[in-house]
Amino acid sequence: MWGAIAVVLVVLWLLGALAFKITGALIHLLIVLAVVALVLHFARRTRPR
């Protein structure tokens, strides 16, 4: 689930950075949230026994 959220956030970040030329700090918050979502995805992953 966290991996899918990260992918969506990265896509939104790319669209905002490339298509709309938004230069504010808010668009860069999306990439930070995507990285956090990826870290949570790998940290909360259950390990096989």
N, C-alpha and C. Protein backbone atom coordinates (compact mmCIF):
# COMPACT_ATOMS: atom_id res chain seq x y z
N MET A 1 0.81 -1.19 0.00
CA MET A 1 0.00 0.00 0.00
C MET A 1 0.86 1.26 0.00
N TRP A 2 1.87 1.27 0.85
CA TRP A 2 2.73 2.46 0.91
C TRP A 2 3.50 2.66 -0.39
N GLY A 3 3.83 1.55 -1.06
CA GLY A 3 4.52 1.66 -2.34
C GLY A 3 3.66 2.33 -3.40
N ALA A 4 2.37 1.98 -3.40
CA ALA A 4 1.45 2.59 -4.36
C ALA A 4 1.28 4.08 -4.07
N ILE A 5 1.20 4.43 -2.80
CA ILE A 5 1.09 5.85 -2.43
C ILE A 5 2.33 6.61 -2.88
N ALA A 6 3.49 5.99 -2.70
CA ALA A 6 4.73 6.64 -3.11
C ALA A 6 4.76 6.86 -4.62
N VAL A 7 4.31 5.88 -5.38
CA VAL A 7 4.30 6.01 -6.84
C VAL A 7 3.37 7.14 -7.27
N VAL A 8 2.19 7.21 -6.66
CA VAL A 8 1.24 8.26 -7.00
C VAL A 8 1.82 9.63 -6.67
N LEU A 9 2.47 9.75 -5.51
CA LEU A 9 3.06 11.03 -5.13
C LEU A 9 4.19 11.45 -6.07
N VAL A 10 4.98 10.50 -6.51
CA VAL A 10 6.07 10.82 -7.45
C VAL A 10 5.50 11.29 -8.78
N VAL A 11 4.45 10.62 -9.25
CA VAL A 11 3.82 11.03 -10.51
C VAL A 11 3.24 12.44 -10.39
N LEU A 12 2.56 12.71 -9.27
CA LEU A 12 2.02 14.06 -9.06
C LEU A 12 3.13 15.09 -8.99
N TRP A 13 4.24 14.72 -8.36
CA TRP A 13 5.37 15.64 -8.25
C TRP A 13 5.94 15.95 -9.64
N LEU A 14 6.09 14.91 -10.45
CA LEU A 14 6.62 15.12 -11.80
C LEU A 14 5.67 15.98 -12.64
N LEU A 15 4.38 15.72 -12.53
CA LEU A 15 3.42 16.54 -13.27
C LEU A 15 3.47 18.00 -12.83
N GLY A 16 3.56 18.20 -11.53
CA GLY A 16 3.62 19.57 -11.03
C GLY A 16 4.90 20.27 -11.39
N ALA A 17 6.01 19.55 -11.35
CA ALA A 17 7.30 20.18 -11.64
C ALA A 17 7.50 20.43 -13.14
N LEU A 18 7.04 19.51 -13.97
CA LEU A 18 7.30 19.61 -15.40
C LEU A 18 6.17 20.30 -16.17
N ALA A 19 4.95 19.94 -15.90
CA ALA A 19 3.84 20.45 -16.70
C ALA A 19 3.40 21.85 -16.28
N PHE A 20 3.34 22.09 -14.99
CA PHE A 20 2.78 23.34 -14.52
C PHE A 20 3.82 24.37 -14.10
N LYS A 21 5.07 23.98 -14.09
CA LYS A 21 6.19 24.89 -13.76
C LYS A 21 5.98 25.56 -12.39
N ILE A 22 5.52 24.78 -11.44
CA ILE A 22 5.35 25.31 -10.08
C ILE A 22 6.72 25.31 -9.41
N THR A 23 7.12 26.45 -8.89
CA THR A 23 8.45 26.55 -8.30
C THR A 23 8.39 26.70 -6.79
N GLY A 24 7.21 26.59 -6.22
CA GLY A 24 7.08 26.75 -4.77
C GLY A 24 7.56 25.52 -4.03
N ALA A 25 7.70 25.68 -2.74
CA ALA A 25 8.17 24.59 -1.90
C ALA A 25 7.12 23.51 -1.73
N LEU A 26 5.86 23.84 -1.98
CA LEU A 26 4.78 22.88 -1.78
C LEU A 26 4.91 21.68 -2.72
N ILE A 27 5.34 21.89 -3.94
CA ILE A 27 5.47 20.77 -4.88
C ILE A 27 6.59 19.84 -4.45
N HIS A 28 7.62 20.36 -3.80
CA HIS A 28 8.72 19.52 -3.35
C HIS A 28 8.34 18.73 -2.11
N LEU A 29 7.30 19.16 -1.44
CA LEU A 29 6.79 18.40 -0.31
C LEU A 29 6.25 17.05 -0.77
N LEU A 30 5.74 16.98 -1.99
CA LEU A 30 5.23 15.72 -2.52
C LEU A 30 6.34 14.68 -2.64
N ILE A 31 7.52 15.07 -3.08
CA ILE A 31 8.61 14.11 -3.22
C ILE A 31 9.10 13.65 -1.85
N VAL A 32 9.07 14.55 -0.88
CA VAL A 32 9.46 14.16 0.48
C VAL A 32 8.44 13.16 1.03
N LEU A 33 7.17 13.39 0.81
CA LEU A 33 6.14 12.46 1.26
C LEU A 33 6.27 11.11 0.56
N ALA A 34 6.65 11.13 -0.70
CA ALA A 34 6.84 9.88 -1.44
C ALA A 34 7.99 9.07 -0.85
N VAL A 35 9.06 9.73 -0.48
CA VAL A 35 10.20 9.04 0.13
C VAL A 35 9.80 8.46 1.48
N VAL A 36 9.05 9.22 2.26
CA VAL A 36 8.58 8.73 3.56
C VAL A 36 7.67 7.52 3.36
N ALA A 37 6.80 7.57 2.37
CA ALA A 37 5.92 6.44 2.10
C ALA A 37 6.70 5.19 1.70
N LEU A 38 7.75 5.35 0.92
CA LEU A 38 8.59 4.21 0.55
C LEU A 38 9.31 3.63 1.76
N VAL A 39 9.82 4.50 2.62
CA VAL A 39 10.50 4.02 3.83
C VAL A 39 9.52 3.25 4.70
N LEU A 40 8.31 3.77 4.87
CA LEU A 40 7.30 3.07 5.65
C LEU A 40 6.92 1.74 5.01
N HIS A 41 6.87 1.71 3.70
CA HIS A 41 6.54 0.47 2.99
C HIS A 41 7.55 -0.62 3.30
N PHE A 42 8.82 -0.29 3.25
CA PHE A 42 9.84 -1.29 3.50
C PHE A 42 10.03 -1.58 4.99
N ALA A 43 9.78 -0.61 5.84
CA ALA A 43 9.94 -0.81 7.28
C ALA A 43 8.82 -1.67 7.86
N ARG A 44 7.61 -1.54 7.34
CA ARG A 44 6.47 -2.27 7.89
C ARG A 44 6.19 -3.58 7.16
N ARG A 45 7.03 -3.92 6.22
CA ARG A 45 6.84 -5.15 5.46
C ARG A 45 7.01 -6.35 6.38
N THR A 46 6.11 -7.31 6.28
CA THR A 46 6.22 -8.50 7.13
C THR A 46 7.25 -9.44 6.52
N ARG A 47 8.03 -10.03 7.38
CA ARG A 47 9.08 -10.94 6.93
C ARG A 47 8.56 -12.37 6.97
N PRO A 48 8.86 -13.17 5.95
CA PRO A 48 8.42 -14.58 5.97
C PRO A 48 9.16 -15.36 7.04
N ARG A 49 8.47 -16.35 7.60
CA ARG A 49 9.09 -17.16 8.67
C ARG A 49 9.73 -18.39 8.12
